[in-house]
mmCIF file of all heavy atoms, coordinates in Angstrom:
data_MODEL
# 
_entry.id   MODEL 
# 
loop_
_atom_site.group_PDB 
_atom_site.id 
_atom_site.type_symbol 
_atom_site.label_atom_id 
_atom_site.label_alt_id 
_atom_site.label_comp_id 
_atom_site.label_asym_id 
_atom_site.label_entity_id 
_atom_site.label_seq_id 
_atom_site.pdbx_PDB_ins_code 
_atom_site.Cartn_x 
_atom_site.Cartn_y 
_atom_site.Cartn_z 
_atom_site.occupancy 
_atom_site.B_iso_or_equiv 
_atom_site.pdbx_formal_charge 
_atom_site.auth_seq_id 
_atom_site.auth_comp_id 
_atom_site.auth_asym_id 
_atom_site.auth_atom_id 
_atom_site.pdbx_PDB_model_num 
ATOM 1   N N   . GLU A 1 1  ? 4.137   -7.885  -2.076  1.00 0.00 ? 1  GLU A N   1 
ATOM 2   C CA  . GLU A 1 1  ? 5.372   -7.150  -1.908  1.00 0.00 ? 1  GLU A CA  1 
ATOM 3   C C   . GLU A 1 1  ? 5.450   -6.421  -0.569  1.00 0.00 ? 1  GLU A C   1 
ATOM 4   O O   . GLU A 1 1  ? 6.474   -6.346  0.101   1.00 0.00 ? 1  GLU A O   1 
ATOM 5   C CB  . GLU A 1 1  ? 5.591   -6.158  -3.052  1.00 0.00 ? 1  GLU A CB  1 
ATOM 6   C CG  . GLU A 1 1  ? 5.693   -6.797  -4.437  1.00 0.00 ? 1  GLU A CG  1 
ATOM 7   C CD  . GLU A 1 1  ? 6.966   -7.575  -4.654  1.00 0.00 ? 1  GLU A CD  1 
ATOM 8   O OE1 . GLU A 1 1  ? 7.911   -7.409  -3.893  1.00 0.00 ? 1  GLU A OE1 1 
ATOM 9   O OE2 . GLU A 1 1  ? 6.989   -8.345  -5.612  1.00 0.00 ? 1  GLU A OE2 1 
ATOM 10  N N   . LYS A 1 2  ? 4.279   -5.881  -0.172  1.00 0.00 ? 2  LYS A N   1 
ATOM 11  C CA  . LYS A 1 2  ? 4.180   -5.221  1.141   1.00 0.00 ? 2  LYS A CA  1 
ATOM 12  C C   . LYS A 1 2  ? 4.506   -6.152  2.275   1.00 0.00 ? 2  LYS A C   1 
ATOM 13  O O   . LYS A 1 2  ? 5.228   -5.819  3.194   1.00 0.00 ? 2  LYS A O   1 
ATOM 14  C CB  . LYS A 1 2  ? 2.777   -4.643  1.297   1.00 0.00 ? 2  LYS A CB  1 
ATOM 15  C CG  . LYS A 1 2  ? 2.557   -3.824  2.582   1.00 0.00 ? 2  LYS A CG  1 
ATOM 16  C CD  . LYS A 1 2  ? 2.072   -4.695  3.756   1.00 0.00 ? 2  LYS A CD  1 
ATOM 17  C CE  . LYS A 1 2  ? 0.772   -5.438  3.471   1.00 0.00 ? 2  LYS A CE  1 
ATOM 18  N NZ  . LYS A 1 2  ? 0.397   -6.287  4.658   1.00 0.00 ? 2  LYS A NZ  1 
ATOM 19  N N   . ASP A 1 3  ? 4.037   -7.415  2.142   1.00 0.00 ? 3  ASP A N   1 
ATOM 20  C CA  . ASP A 1 3  ? 4.316   -8.405  3.180   1.00 0.00 ? 3  ASP A CA  1 
ATOM 21  C C   . ASP A 1 3  ? 5.793   -8.656  3.344   1.00 0.00 ? 3  ASP A C   1 
ATOM 22  O O   . ASP A 1 3  ? 6.313   -8.902  4.457   1.00 0.00 ? 3  ASP A O   1 
ATOM 23  C CB  . ASP A 1 3  ? 3.620   -9.710  2.880   1.00 0.00 ? 3  ASP A CB  1 
ATOM 24  C CG  . ASP A 1 3  ? 2.105   -9.657  3.080   1.00 0.00 ? 3  ASP A CG  1 
ATOM 25  O OD1 . ASP A 1 3  ? 1.631   -8.711  3.687   1.00 0.00 ? 3  ASP A OD1 1 
ATOM 26  O OD2 . ASP A 1 3  ? 1.427   -10.571 2.580   1.00 0.00 ? 3  ASP A OD2 1 
ATOM 27  N N   . LYS A 1 4  ? 6.543   -8.579  2.233   1.00 0.00 ? 4  LYS A N   1 
ATOM 28  C CA  . LYS A 1 4  ? 7.998   -8.816  2.275   1.00 0.00 ? 4  LYS A CA  1 
ATOM 29  C C   . LYS A 1 4  ? 8.717   -7.782  3.135   1.00 0.00 ? 4  LYS A C   1 
ATOM 30  O O   . LYS A 1 4  ? 9.731   -8.135  3.776   1.00 0.00 ? 4  LYS A O   1 
ATOM 31  C CB  . LYS A 1 4  ? 8.597   -8.800  0.886   1.00 0.00 ? 4  LYS A CB  1 
ATOM 32  C CG  . LYS A 1 4  ? 8.117   -9.922  -0.057  1.00 0.00 ? 4  LYS A CG  1 
ATOM 33  C CD  . LYS A 1 4  ? 8.729   -9.762  -1.414  1.00 0.00 ? 4  LYS A CD  1 
ATOM 34  C CE  . LYS A 1 4  ? 8.217   -10.795 -2.386  1.00 0.00 ? 4  LYS A CE  1 
ATOM 35  N NZ  . LYS A 1 4  ? 8.784   -10.619 -3.758  1.00 0.00 ? 4  LYS A NZ  1 
ATOM 36  N N   . CYS A 1 5  ? 8.212   -6.554  3.122   1.00 0.00 ? 5  CYS A N   1 
ATOM 37  C CA  . CYS A 1 5  ? 8.915   -5.464  3.841   1.00 0.00 ? 5  CYS A CA  1 
ATOM 38  C C   . CYS A 1 5  ? 8.156   -4.966  5.043   1.00 0.00 ? 5  CYS A C   1 
ATOM 39  O O   . CYS A 1 5  ? 8.474   -3.906  5.606   1.00 0.00 ? 5  CYS A O   1 
ATOM 40  C CB  . CYS A 1 5  ? 9.212   -4.351  2.891   1.00 0.00 ? 5  CYS A CB  1 
ATOM 41  S SG  . CYS A 1 5  ? 7.732   -3.477  2.257   1.00 0.00 ? 5  CYS A SG  1 
ATOM 42  N N   . ALA A 1 6  ? 7.136   -5.738  5.482   1.00 0.00 ? 6  ALA A N   1 
ATOM 43  C CA  . ALA A 1 6  ? 6.261   -5.242  6.547   1.00 0.00 ? 6  ALA A CA  1 
ATOM 44  C C   . ALA A 1 6  ? 7.051   -4.878  7.832   1.00 0.00 ? 6  ALA A C   1 
ATOM 45  O O   . ALA A 1 6  ? 6.709   -3.938  8.540   1.00 0.00 ? 6  ALA A O   1 
ATOM 46  C CB  . ALA A 1 6  ? 5.196   -6.309  6.883   1.00 0.00 ? 6  ALA A CB  1 
ATOM 47  N N   . HIS A 1 7  ? 8.100   -5.636  8.070   1.00 0.00 ? 7  HIS A N   1 
ATOM 48  C CA  . HIS A 1 7  ? 8.924   -5.415  9.278   1.00 0.00 ? 7  HIS A CA  1 
ATOM 49  C C   . HIS A 1 7  ? 9.685   -4.085  9.210   1.00 0.00 ? 7  HIS A C   1 
ATOM 50  O O   . HIS A 1 7  ? 10.213  -3.622  10.256  1.00 0.00 ? 7  HIS A O   1 
ATOM 51  C CB  . HIS A 1 7  ? 9.918   -6.571  9.471   1.00 0.00 ? 7  HIS A CB  1 
ATOM 52  C CG  . HIS A 1 7  ? 10.894  -6.719  8.377   1.00 0.00 ? 7  HIS A CG  1 
ATOM 53  N ND1 . HIS A 1 7  ? 10.530  -7.158  7.118   1.00 0.00 ? 7  HIS A ND1 1 
ATOM 54  C CD2 . HIS A 1 7  ? 12.235  -6.543  8.334   1.00 0.00 ? 7  HIS A CD2 1 
ATOM 55  C CE1 . HIS A 1 7  ? 11.572  -7.212  6.355   1.00 0.00 ? 7  HIS A CE1 1 
ATOM 56  N NE2 . HIS A 1 7  ? 12.645  -6.833  7.052   1.00 0.00 ? 7  HIS A NE2 1 
ATOM 57  N N   . LEU A 1 8  ? 9.740   -3.484  8.103   1.00 0.00 ? 8  LEU A N   1 
ATOM 58  C CA  . LEU A 1 8  ? 10.479  -2.215  7.934   1.00 0.00 ? 8  LEU A CA  1 
ATOM 59  C C   . LEU A 1 8  ? 9.559   -0.989  7.887   1.00 0.00 ? 8  LEU A C   1 
ATOM 60  O O   . LEU A 1 8  ? 10.025  0.120   7.849   1.00 0.00 ? 8  LEU A O   1 
ATOM 61  C CB  . LEU A 1 8  ? 11.289  -2.270  6.630   1.00 0.00 ? 8  LEU A CB  1 
ATOM 62  C CG  . LEU A 1 8  ? 12.358  -3.351  6.552   1.00 0.00 ? 8  LEU A CG  1 
ATOM 63  C CD1 . LEU A 1 8  ? 12.908  -3.387  5.119   1.00 0.00 ? 8  LEU A CD1 1 
ATOM 64  C CD2 . LEU A 1 8  ? 13.471  -3.080  7.546   1.00 0.00 ? 8  LEU A CD2 1 
ATOM 65  N N   . LEU A 1 9  ? 8.263   -1.218  7.903   1.00 0.00 ? 9  LEU A N   1 
ATOM 66  C CA  . LEU A 1 9  ? 7.304   -0.130  7.730   1.00 0.00 ? 9  LEU A CA  1 
ATOM 67  C C   . LEU A 1 9  ? 6.963   0.588   9.069   1.00 0.00 ? 9  LEU A C   1 
ATOM 68  O O   . LEU A 1 9  ? 6.875   -0.065  10.104  1.00 0.00 ? 9  LEU A O   1 
ATOM 69  C CB  . LEU A 1 9  ? 6.031   -0.642  7.075   1.00 0.00 ? 9  LEU A CB  1 
ATOM 70  C CG  . LEU A 1 9  ? 6.143   -1.264  5.712   1.00 0.00 ? 9  LEU A CG  1 
ATOM 71  C CD1 . LEU A 1 9  ? 4.835   -1.854  5.273   1.00 0.00 ? 9  LEU A CD1 1 
ATOM 72  C CD2 . LEU A 1 9  ? 6.714   -0.254  4.730   1.00 0.00 ? 9  LEU A CD2 1 
ATOM 73  N N   . PHE A 1 10 ? 6.796   1.870   8.978   1.00 0.00 ? 10 PHE A N   1 
ATOM 74  C CA  . PHE A 1 10 ? 6.393   2.654   10.138  1.00 0.00 ? 10 PHE A CA  1 
ATOM 75  C C   . PHE A 1 10 ? 4.911   2.468   10.425  1.00 0.00 ? 10 PHE A C   1 
ATOM 76  O O   . PHE A 1 10 ? 4.506   2.353   11.576  1.00 0.00 ? 10 PHE A O   1 
ATOM 77  C CB  . PHE A 1 10 ? 6.693   4.128   9.894   1.00 0.00 ? 10 PHE A CB  1 
ATOM 78  C CG  . PHE A 1 10 ? 6.224   5.051   10.950  1.00 0.00 ? 10 PHE A CG  1 
ATOM 79  C CD1 . PHE A 1 10 ? 6.817   5.114   12.207  1.00 0.00 ? 10 PHE A CD1 1 
ATOM 80  C CD2 . PHE A 1 10 ? 5.092   5.858   10.746  1.00 0.00 ? 10 PHE A CD2 1 
ATOM 81  C CE1 . PHE A 1 10 ? 6.363   5.917   13.227  1.00 0.00 ? 10 PHE A CE1 1 
ATOM 82  C CE2 . PHE A 1 10 ? 4.628   6.694   11.753  1.00 0.00 ? 10 PHE A CE2 1 
ATOM 83  C CZ  . PHE A 1 10 ? 5.270   6.763   12.967  1.00 0.00 ? 10 PHE A CZ  1 
ATOM 84  N N   . ASP A 1 11 ? 4.075   2.461   9.384   1.00 0.00 ? 11 ASP A N   1 
ATOM 85  C CA  . ASP A 1 11 ? 2.622   2.326   9.526   1.00 0.00 ? 11 ASP A CA  1 
ATOM 86  C C   . ASP A 1 11 ? 2.121   1.365   8.455   1.00 0.00 ? 11 ASP A C   1 
ATOM 87  O O   . ASP A 1 11 ? 1.747   1.802   7.344   1.00 0.00 ? 11 ASP A O   1 
ATOM 88  C CB  . ASP A 1 11 ? 1.969   3.700   9.402   1.00 0.00 ? 11 ASP A CB  1 
ATOM 89  C CG  . ASP A 1 11 ? 0.476   3.666   9.787   1.00 0.00 ? 11 ASP A CG  1 
ATOM 90  O OD1 . ASP A 1 11 ? -0.139  2.594   9.750   1.00 0.00 ? 11 ASP A OD1 1 
ATOM 91  O OD2 . ASP A 1 11 ? -0.047  4.742   10.081  1.00 0.00 ? 11 ASP A OD2 1 
ATOM 92  N N   . GLU A 1 12 ? 2.123   0.073   8.758   1.00 0.00 ? 12 GLU A N   1 
ATOM 93  C CA  . GLU A 1 12 ? 1.758   -0.932  7.762   1.00 0.00 ? 12 GLU A CA  1 
ATOM 94  C C   . GLU A 1 12 ? 0.301   -0.739  7.288   1.00 0.00 ? 12 GLU A C   1 
ATOM 95  O O   . GLU A 1 12 ? 0.036   -0.919  6.109   1.00 0.00 ? 12 GLU A O   1 
ATOM 96  C CB  . GLU A 1 12 ? 1.947   -2.299  8.310   1.00 0.00 ? 12 GLU A CB  1 
ATOM 97  C CG  . GLU A 1 12 ? 1.661   -3.416  7.324   1.00 0.00 ? 12 GLU A CG  1 
ATOM 98  C CD  . GLU A 1 12 ? 1.866   -4.838  7.883   1.00 0.00 ? 12 GLU A CD  1 
ATOM 99  O OE1 . GLU A 1 12 ? 2.218   -4.939  9.084   1.00 0.00 ? 12 GLU A OE1 1 
ATOM 100 O OE2 . GLU A 1 12 ? 1.595   -5.791  7.136   1.00 0.00 ? 12 GLU A OE2 1 
ATOM 101 N N   . LYS A 1 13 ? -0.593  -0.384  8.204   1.00 0.00 ? 13 LYS A N   1 
ATOM 102 C CA  . LYS A 1 13 ? -2.000  -0.212  7.824   1.00 0.00 ? 13 LYS A CA  1 
ATOM 103 C C   . LYS A 1 13 ? -2.165  0.903   6.803   1.00 0.00 ? 13 LYS A C   1 
ATOM 104 O O   . LYS A 1 13 ? -2.862  0.756   5.785   1.00 0.00 ? 13 LYS A O   1 
ATOM 105 C CB  . LYS A 1 13 ? -2.861  0.079   9.028   1.00 0.00 ? 13 LYS A CB  1 
ATOM 106 C CG  . LYS A 1 13 ? -4.343  0.197   8.705   1.00 0.00 ? 13 LYS A CG  1 
ATOM 107 C CD  . LYS A 1 13 ? -5.193  0.307   9.938   1.00 0.00 ? 13 LYS A CD  1 
ATOM 108 C CE  . LYS A 1 13 ? -6.681  0.313   9.607   1.00 0.00 ? 13 LYS A CE  1 
ATOM 109 N NZ  . LYS A 1 13 ? -7.523  0.423   10.825  1.00 0.00 ? 13 LYS A NZ  1 
ATOM 110 N N   . ALA A 1 14 ? -1.459  2.017   7.010   1.00 0.00 ? 14 ALA A N   1 
ATOM 111 C CA  . ALA A 1 14 ? -1.527  3.149   6.077   1.00 0.00 ? 14 ALA A CA  1 
ATOM 112 C C   . ALA A 1 14 ? -0.968  2.743   4.714   1.00 0.00 ? 14 ALA A C   1 
ATOM 113 O O   . ALA A 1 14 ? -1.515  3.080   3.658   1.00 0.00 ? 14 ALA A O   1 
ATOM 114 C CB  . ALA A 1 14 ? -0.762  4.340   6.627   1.00 0.00 ? 14 ALA A CB  1 
ATOM 115 N N   . VAL A 1 15 ? 0.129   1.983   4.720   1.00 0.00 ? 15 VAL A N   1 
ATOM 116 C CA  . VAL A 1 15 ? 0.738   1.542   3.457   1.00 0.00 ? 15 VAL A CA  1 
ATOM 117 C C   . VAL A 1 15 ? -0.247  0.621   2.732   1.00 0.00 ? 15 VAL A C   1 
ATOM 118 O O   . VAL A 1 15 ? -0.448  0.772   1.531   1.00 0.00 ? 15 VAL A O   1 
ATOM 119 C CB  . VAL A 1 15 ? 2.067   0.838   3.728   1.00 0.00 ? 15 VAL A CB  1 
ATOM 120 C CG1 . VAL A 1 15 ? 2.555   0.061   2.466   1.00 0.00 ? 15 VAL A CG1 1 
ATOM 121 C CG2 . VAL A 1 15 ? 3.138   1.787   4.185   1.00 0.00 ? 15 VAL A CG2 1 
ATOM 122 N N   . GLU A 1 16 ? -0.859  -0.313  3.447   1.00 0.00 ? 16 GLU A N   1 
ATOM 123 C CA  . GLU A 1 16 ? -1.775  -1.251  2.770   1.00 0.00 ? 16 GLU A CA  1 
ATOM 124 C C   . GLU A 1 16 ? -2.990  -0.526  2.236   1.00 0.00 ? 16 GLU A C   1 
ATOM 125 O O   . GLU A 1 16 ? -3.393  -0.783  1.089   1.00 0.00 ? 16 GLU A O   1 
ATOM 126 C CB  . GLU A 1 16 ? -2.211  -2.342  3.781   1.00 0.00 ? 16 GLU A CB  1 
ATOM 127 C CG  . GLU A 1 16 ? -3.057  -3.394  3.101   1.00 0.00 ? 16 GLU A CG  1 
ATOM 128 C CD  . GLU A 1 16 ? -3.201  -4.651  3.914   1.00 0.00 ? 16 GLU A CD  1 
ATOM 129 O OE1 . GLU A 1 16 ? -2.404  -4.877  4.848   1.00 0.00 ? 16 GLU A OE1 1 
ATOM 130 O OE2 . GLU A 1 16 ? -4.101  -5.454  3.584   1.00 0.00 ? 16 GLU A OE2 1 
ATOM 131 N N   . LEU A 1 17 ? -3.537  0.428   2.977   1.00 0.00 ? 17 LEU A N   1 
ATOM 132 C CA  . LEU A 1 17 ? -4.670  1.212   2.449   1.00 0.00 ? 17 LEU A CA  1 
ATOM 133 C C   . LEU A 1 17 ? -4.276  1.985   1.194   1.00 0.00 ? 17 LEU A C   1 
ATOM 134 O O   . LEU A 1 17 ? -5.035  2.081   0.237   1.00 0.00 ? 17 LEU A O   1 
ATOM 135 C CB  . LEU A 1 17 ? -5.207  2.130   3.514   1.00 0.00 ? 17 LEU A CB  1 
ATOM 136 C CG  . LEU A 1 17 ? -6.239  1.515   4.487   1.00 0.00 ? 17 LEU A CG  1 
ATOM 137 C CD1 . LEU A 1 17 ? -6.489  2.446   5.639   1.00 0.00 ? 17 LEU A CD1 1 
ATOM 138 C CD2 . LEU A 1 17 ? -7.511  1.189   3.763   1.00 0.00 ? 17 LEU A CD2 1 
ATOM 139 N N   . ALA A 1 18 ? -3.094  2.568   1.241   1.00 0.00 ? 18 ALA A N   1 
ATOM 140 C CA  . ALA A 1 18 ? -2.618  3.367   0.090   1.00 0.00 ? 18 ALA A CA  1 
ATOM 141 C C   . ALA A 1 18 ? -2.499  2.449   -1.108  1.00 0.00 ? 18 ALA A C   1 
ATOM 142 O O   . ALA A 1 18 ? -2.834  2.857   -2.249  1.00 0.00 ? 18 ALA A O   1 
ATOM 143 C CB  . ALA A 1 18 ? -1.304  4.026   0.397   1.00 0.00 ? 18 ALA A CB  1 
ATOM 144 N N   . LEU A 1 19 ? -1.989  1.251   -0.930  1.00 0.00 ? 19 LEU A N   1 
ATOM 145 C CA  . LEU A 1 19 ? -1.856  0.300   -2.029  1.00 0.00 ? 19 LEU A CA  1 
ATOM 146 C C   . LEU A 1 19 ? -3.200  -0.087  -2.598  1.00 0.00 ? 19 LEU A C   1 
ATOM 147 O O   . LEU A 1 19 ? -3.407  -0.212  -3.780  1.00 0.00 ? 19 LEU A O   1 
ATOM 148 C CB  . LEU A 1 19 ? -1.074  -0.924  -1.623  1.00 0.00 ? 19 LEU A CB  1 
ATOM 149 C CG  . LEU A 1 19 ? 0.433   -0.660  -1.253  1.00 0.00 ? 19 LEU A CG  1 
ATOM 150 C CD1 . LEU A 1 19 ? 1.059   -1.891  -0.657  1.00 0.00 ? 19 LEU A CD1 1 
ATOM 151 C CD2 . LEU A 1 19 ? 1.199   -0.194  -2.479  1.00 0.00 ? 19 LEU A CD2 1 
ATOM 152 N N   . TRP A 1 20 ? -4.137  -0.319  -1.717  1.00 0.00 ? 20 TRP A N   1 
ATOM 153 C CA  . TRP A 1 20 ? -5.505  -0.639  -2.165  1.00 0.00 ? 20 TRP A CA  1 
ATOM 154 C C   . TRP A 1 20 ? -6.100  0.413   -3.043  1.00 0.00 ? 20 TRP A C   1 
ATOM 155 O O   . TRP A 1 20 ? -6.782  0.130   -4.050  1.00 0.00 ? 20 TRP A O   1 
ATOM 156 C CB  . TRP A 1 20 ? -6.418  -0.844  -0.923  1.00 0.00 ? 20 TRP A CB  1 
ATOM 157 C CG  . TRP A 1 20 ? -6.483  -2.247  -0.454  1.00 0.00 ? 20 TRP A CG  1 
ATOM 158 C CD1 . TRP A 1 20 ? -5.896  -2.781  0.661   1.00 0.00 ? 20 TRP A CD1 1 
ATOM 159 C CD2 . TRP A 1 20 ? -7.173  -3.327  -1.017  1.00 0.00 ? 20 TRP A CD2 1 
ATOM 160 N NE1 . TRP A 1 20 ? -6.180  -4.107  0.819   1.00 0.00 ? 20 TRP A NE1 1 
ATOM 161 C CE2 . TRP A 1 20 ? -6.990  -4.495  -0.223  1.00 0.00 ? 20 TRP A CE2 1 
ATOM 162 C CE3 . TRP A 1 20 ? -8.025  -3.468  -2.167  1.00 0.00 ? 20 TRP A CE3 1 
ATOM 163 C CZ2 . TRP A 1 20 ? -7.551  -5.708  -0.521  1.00 0.00 ? 20 TRP A CZ2 1 
ATOM 164 C CZ3 . TRP A 1 20 ? -8.583  -4.680  -2.492  1.00 0.00 ? 20 TRP A CZ3 1 
ATOM 165 C CH2 . TRP A 1 20 ? -8.333  -5.803  -1.653  1.00 0.00 ? 20 TRP A CH2 1 
ATOM 166 N N   . TYR A 1 21 ? -5.865  1.670   -2.708  1.00 0.00 ? 21 TYR A N   1 
ATOM 167 C CA  . TYR A 1 21 ? -6.535  2.763   -3.358  1.00 0.00 ? 21 TYR A CA  1 
ATOM 168 C C   . TYR A 1 21 ? -5.712  3.484   -4.424  1.00 0.00 ? 21 TYR A C   1 
ATOM 169 O O   . TYR A 1 21 ? -6.246  4.325   -5.112  1.00 0.00 ? 21 TYR A O   1 
ATOM 170 C CB  . TYR A 1 21 ? -7.069  3.791   -2.345  1.00 0.00 ? 21 TYR A CB  1 
ATOM 171 C CG  . TYR A 1 21 ? -8.369  3.389   -1.709  1.00 0.00 ? 21 TYR A CG  1 
ATOM 172 C CD1 . TYR A 1 21 ? -8.369  2.606   -0.563  1.00 0.00 ? 21 TYR A CD1 1 
ATOM 173 C CD2 . TYR A 1 21 ? -9.597  3.754   -2.257  1.00 0.00 ? 21 TYR A CD2 1 
ATOM 174 C CE1 . TYR A 1 21 ? -9.590  2.236   0.035   1.00 0.00 ? 21 TYR A CE1 1 
ATOM 175 C CE2 . TYR A 1 21 ? -10.788 3.359   -1.697  1.00 0.00 ? 21 TYR A CE2 1 
ATOM 176 C CZ  . TYR A 1 21 ? -10.797 2.617   -0.527  1.00 0.00 ? 21 TYR A CZ  1 
ATOM 177 O OH  . TYR A 1 21 ? -11.977 2.228   0.030   1.00 0.00 ? 21 TYR A OH  1 
ATOM 178 N N   . HIS A 1 22 ? -4.418  3.180   -4.569  1.00 0.00 ? 22 HIS A N   1 
ATOM 179 C CA  . HIS A 1 22 ? -3.580  4.038   -5.388  1.00 0.00 ? 22 HIS A CA  1 
ATOM 180 C C   . HIS A 1 22 ? -3.966  4.021   -6.868  1.00 0.00 ? 22 HIS A C   1 
ATOM 181 O O   . HIS A 1 22 ? -3.647  4.980   -7.595  1.00 0.00 ? 22 HIS A O   1 
ATOM 182 C CB  . HIS A 1 22 ? -2.100  3.708   -5.184  1.00 0.00 ? 22 HIS A CB  1 
ATOM 183 C CG  . HIS A 1 22 ? -1.625  2.520   -5.925  1.00 0.00 ? 22 HIS A CG  1 
ATOM 184 N ND1 . HIS A 1 22 ? -1.900  1.205   -5.572  1.00 0.00 ? 22 HIS A ND1 1 
ATOM 185 C CD2 . HIS A 1 22 ? -0.836  2.373   -7.031  1.00 0.00 ? 22 HIS A CD2 1 
ATOM 186 C CE1 . HIS A 1 22 ? -1.348  0.388   -6.386  1.00 0.00 ? 22 HIS A CE1 1 
ATOM 187 N NE2 . HIS A 1 22 ? -0.695  1.045   -7.323  1.00 0.00 ? 22 HIS A NE2 1 
ATOM 188 N N   . ASP A 1 23 ? -4.591  2.947   -7.318  1.00 0.00 ? 23 ASP A N   1 
ATOM 189 C CA  . ASP A 1 23 ? -5.076  2.878   -8.713  1.00 0.00 ? 23 ASP A CA  1 
ATOM 190 C C   . ASP A 1 23 ? -6.582  2.744   -8.797  1.00 0.00 ? 23 ASP A C   1 
ATOM 191 O O   . ASP A 1 23 ? -7.093  2.249   -9.805  1.00 0.00 ? 23 ASP A O   1 
ATOM 192 C CB  . ASP A 1 23 ? -4.409  1.688   -9.438  1.00 0.00 ? 23 ASP A CB  1 
ATOM 193 C CG  . ASP A 1 23 ? -2.971  2.012   -9.832  1.00 0.00 ? 23 ASP A CG  1 
ATOM 194 O OD1 . ASP A 1 23 ? -2.639  3.181   -10.086 1.00 0.00 ? 23 ASP A OD1 1 
ATOM 195 O OD2 . ASP A 1 23 ? -2.144  1.088   -9.881  1.00 0.00 ? 23 ASP A OD2 1 
ATOM 196 N N   . ALA A 1 24 ? -7.280  3.146   -7.735  1.00 0.00 ? 24 ALA A N   1 
ATOM 197 C CA  . ALA A 1 24 ? -8.742  2.944   -7.723  1.00 0.00 ? 24 ALA A CA  1 
ATOM 198 C C   . ALA A 1 24 ? -9.382  3.651   -8.901  1.00 0.00 ? 24 ALA A C   1 
ATOM 199 O O   . ALA A 1 24 ? -10.386 3.144   -9.472  1.00 0.00 ? 24 ALA A O   1 
ATOM 200 C CB  . ALA A 1 24 ? -9.297  3.447   -6.408  1.00 0.00 ? 24 ALA A CB  1 
ATOM 201 N N   . VAL A 1 25 ? -8.864  4.792   -9.245  1.00 0.00 ? 25 VAL A N   1 
ATOM 202 C CA  . VAL A 1 25 ? -9.307  5.515   -10.427 1.00 0.00 ? 25 VAL A CA  1 
ATOM 203 C C   . VAL A 1 25 ? -8.190  5.384   -11.472 1.00 0.00 ? 25 VAL A C   1 
ATOM 204 O O   . VAL A 1 25 ? -7.072  5.792   -11.199 1.00 0.00 ? 25 VAL A O   1 
ATOM 205 C CB  . VAL A 1 25 ? -9.619  6.988   -10.155 1.00 0.00 ? 25 VAL A CB  1 
ATOM 206 C CG1 . VAL A 1 25 ? -10.018 7.715   -11.466 1.00 0.00 ? 25 VAL A CG1 1 
ATOM 207 C CG2 . VAL A 1 25 ? -10.707 7.106   -9.150  1.00 0.00 ? 25 VAL A CG2 1 
ATOM 208 N N   . TYR A 1 26 ? -8.510  4.805   -12.615 1.00 0.00 ? 26 TYR A N   1 
ATOM 209 C CA  . TYR A 1 26 ? -7.472  4.648   -13.643 1.00 0.00 ? 26 TYR A CA  1 
ATOM 210 C C   . TYR A 1 26 ? -8.126  4.864   -15.032 1.00 0.00 ? 26 TYR A C   1 
ATOM 211 O O   . TYR A 1 26 ? -8.751  3.971   -15.565 1.00 0.00 ? 26 TYR A O   1 
ATOM 212 C CB  . TYR A 1 26 ? -6.801  3.283   -13.603 1.00 0.00 ? 26 TYR A CB  1 
ATOM 213 C CG  . TYR A 1 26 ? -5.606  3.171   -14.525 1.00 0.00 ? 26 TYR A CG  1 
ATOM 214 C CD1 . TYR A 1 26 ? -4.404  3.789   -14.182 1.00 0.00 ? 26 TYR A CD1 1 
ATOM 215 C CD2 . TYR A 1 26 ? -5.713  2.544   -15.760 1.00 0.00 ? 26 TYR A CD2 1 
ATOM 216 C CE1 . TYR A 1 26 ? -3.331  3.733   -15.044 1.00 0.00 ? 26 TYR A CE1 1 
ATOM 217 C CE2 . TYR A 1 26 ? -4.676  2.483   -16.610 1.00 0.00 ? 26 TYR A CE2 1 
ATOM 218 C CZ  . TYR A 1 26 ? -3.446  3.085   -16.271 1.00 0.00 ? 26 TYR A CZ  1 
ATOM 219 O OH  . TYR A 1 26 ? -2.413  3.057   -17.113 1.00 0.00 ? 26 TYR A OH  1 
ATOM 220 N N   . ASP A 1 27 ? -7.952  6.076   -15.522 1.00 0.00 ? 27 ASP A N   1 
ATOM 221 C CA  . ASP A 1 27 ? -8.401  6.432   -16.866 1.00 0.00 ? 27 ASP A CA  1 
ATOM 222 C C   . ASP A 1 27 ? -7.159  6.843   -17.657 1.00 0.00 ? 27 ASP A C   1 
ATOM 223 O O   . ASP A 1 27 ? -6.089  7.098   -17.116 1.00 0.00 ? 27 ASP A O   1 
ATOM 224 C CB  . ASP A 1 27 ? -9.398  7.550   -16.794 1.00 0.00 ? 27 ASP A CB  1 
ATOM 225 C CG  . ASP A 1 27 ? -10.654 7.163   -16.000 1.00 0.00 ? 27 ASP A CG  1 
ATOM 226 O OD1 . ASP A 1 27 ? -11.151 6.050   -16.240 1.00 0.00 ? 27 ASP A OD1 1 
ATOM 227 O OD2 . ASP A 1 27 ? -11.131 7.967   -15.156 1.00 0.00 ? 27 ASP A OD2 1 
ATOM 228 N N   . LEU A 1 28 ? -7.340  6.966   -18.950 1.00 0.00 ? 28 LEU A N   1 
ATOM 229 C CA  . LEU A 1 28 ? -6.194  7.327   -19.796 1.00 0.00 ? 28 LEU A CA  1 
ATOM 230 C C   . LEU A 1 28 ? -5.826  8.798   -19.690 1.00 0.00 ? 28 LEU A C   1 
ATOM 231 O O   . LEU A 1 28 ? -4.785  9.219   -20.140 1.00 0.00 ? 28 LEU A O   1 
ATOM 232 C CB  . LEU A 1 28 ? -6.483  6.980   -21.244 1.00 0.00 ? 28 LEU A CB  1 
ATOM 233 C CG  . LEU A 1 28 ? -6.675  5.495   -21.543 1.00 0.00 ? 28 LEU A CG  1 
ATOM 234 C CD1 . LEU A 1 28 ? -6.708  5.251   -23.049 1.00 0.00 ? 28 LEU A CD1 1 
ATOM 235 C CD2 . LEU A 1 28 ? -5.529  4.643   -20.919 1.00 0.00 ? 28 LEU A CD2 1 
# 
């Protein structure tokens, strides 16, 4: 999904890193 909107992003690297880590910890 990030690839679809990459041309609209201010900082694609930051967005990708955030996506990688946003659910890194997932407990109930």
